Amino acid sequence: MGESDCIVNSIIVGVVISFVMPRVVLMFSKPDEIKLAQNIDGLTEKEKLMHLMSHKVQMPVTVALIVAFVVGASVYLGYILKPMKMLRGN
């Protein structure tokens, strides 16, 4: 498998996870945790997570594009910059 195959595979898996994860996480939420509050300062960490997941469900294409870009850029730059090689000092 070449580098481009690895990048595309990573993007596909990341996008699939971005579609599935919010729906799975929201199955464990209470109805009042899904409501979209204007101010999240007073919410618990779980409520903030549910708030984020409800946004992700409402905008799946936008979230998928963001995930695809971040994953693709991360894997590509990992191949170019080789950060583990720099950390090891090789």
Protein backbone atom coordinates (compact mmCIF):
# COMPACT_ATOMS: atom_id res chain seq x y z
CA MET A 1 0.00 0.00 0.00
CA GLY A 2 1.39 3.38 -0.97
CA GLU A 3 1.33 6.63 0.92
CA SER A 4 -1.63 7.97 -1.06
CA ASP A 5 -3.64 4.81 -0.30
CA CYS A 6 -2.91 5.28 3.39
CA ILE A 7 -4.02 8.91 3.26
CA VAL A 8 -7.27 8.08 1.43
CA ASN A 9 -8.00 5.13 3.75
CA SER A 10 -7.47 7.37 6.78
CA ILE A 11 -9.81 10.01 5.34
CA ILE A 12 -12.52 7.41 4.62
CA VAL A 13 -12.31 5.93 8.12
CA GLY A 14 -12.30 9.40 9.71
CA VAL A 15 -15.37 10.49 7.75
CA VAL A 16 -17.26 7.29 8.59
CA ILE A 17 -16.43 7.75 12.28
CA SER A 18 -17.57 11.39 12.09
CA PHE A 19 -20.97 10.23 10.79
CA VAL A 20 -21.43 7.32 13.22
CA MET A 21 -19.93 8.60 16.49
CA PRO A 22 -22.42 11.41 17.23
CA ARG A 23 -25.40 9.13 16.65
CA VAL A 24 -23.99 6.45 18.95
CA VAL A 25 -23.04 8.95 21.67
CA LEU A 26 -26.45 10.64 21.54
CA MET A 27 -28.13 7.29 22.24
CA PHE A 28 -26.74 7.64 25.77
CA SER A 29 -28.02 11.17 26.33
CA LYS A 30 -31.07 12.47 28.09
CA PRO A 31 -33.52 14.62 26.09
CA ASP A 32 -32.63 17.75 28.08
CA GLU A 33 -28.92 17.24 27.30
CA ILE A 34 -29.54 17.48 23.57
CA LYS A 35 -31.19 20.90 23.67
CA LEU A 36 -29.00 23.54 22.13
CA ALA A 37 -28.16 25.98 24.90
CA GLN A 38 -26.97 29.47 24.02
CA ASN A 39 -24.49 29.53 26.89
CA ILE A 40 -22.55 26.34 27.70
CA ASP A 41 -20.61 27.78 30.64
CA GLY A 42 -22.84 26.20 33.29
CA LEU A 43 -23.04 22.77 31.65
CA THR A 44 -21.28 19.64 32.87
CA GLU A 45 -18.65 18.01 30.67
CA LYS A 46 -21.16 15.35 29.60
CA GLU A 47 -23.73 18.02 28.70
CA LYS A 48 -21.09 19.89 26.69
CA LEU A 49 -20.22 16.68 24.84
CA MET A 50 -23.87 16.02 24.04
CA HIS A 51 -24.24 19.63 22.91
CA LEU A 52 -21.30 19.15 20.53
CA MET A 53 -22.64 15.83 19.24
CA SER A 54 -26.07 17.34 18.54
CA HIS A 55 -24.36 20.03 16.44
CA LYS A 56 -22.40 17.35 14.57
CA VAL A 57 -25.65 15.51 13.74
CA GLN A 58 -27.19 18.71 12.38
CA MET A 59 -24.25 19.49 10.07
CA PRO A 60 -22.86 16.10 8.95
CA VAL A 61 -21.42 17.23 5.62
CA THR A 62 -19.59 20.21 7.08
CA VAL A 63 -18.19 18.09 9.90
CA ALA A 64 -17.16 15.36 7.43
CA LEU A 65 -15.30 17.90 5.30
CA ILE A 66 -13.47 19.27 8.34
CA VAL A 67 -12.56 15.76 9.49
CA ALA A 68 -11.43 14.77 5.99
CA PHE A 69 -9.17 17.81 5.76
CA VAL A 70 -7.68 17.39 9.24
CA VAL A 71 -7.07 13.66 8.85
CA GLY A 72 -5.70 13.97 5.31
CA ALA A 73 -3.41 16.85 6.21
CA SER A 74 -2.23 15.07 9.37
CA VAL A 75 -1.33 11.83 7.60
CA TYR A 76 0.25 13.65 4.64
CA LEU A 77 2.32 15.92 6.86
CA GLY A 78 3.27 12.92 8.97
CA TYR A 79 4.81 11.34 5.88
CA ILE A 80 6.56 14.58 4.91
CA LEU A 81 7.79 15.77 8.32
CA LYS A 82 8.37 12.36 9.95
CA PRO A 83 7.88 13.66 13.51
CA MET A 84 8.83 10.36 15.17
CA LYS A 85 12.17 10.44 13.39
CA MET A 86 12.76 13.94 14.75
CA LEU A 87 11.74 12.90 18.27
CA ARG A 88 14.08 9.91 18.23
CA GLY A 89 16.94 12.08 16.93
CA ASN A 90 17.66 9.85 13.91
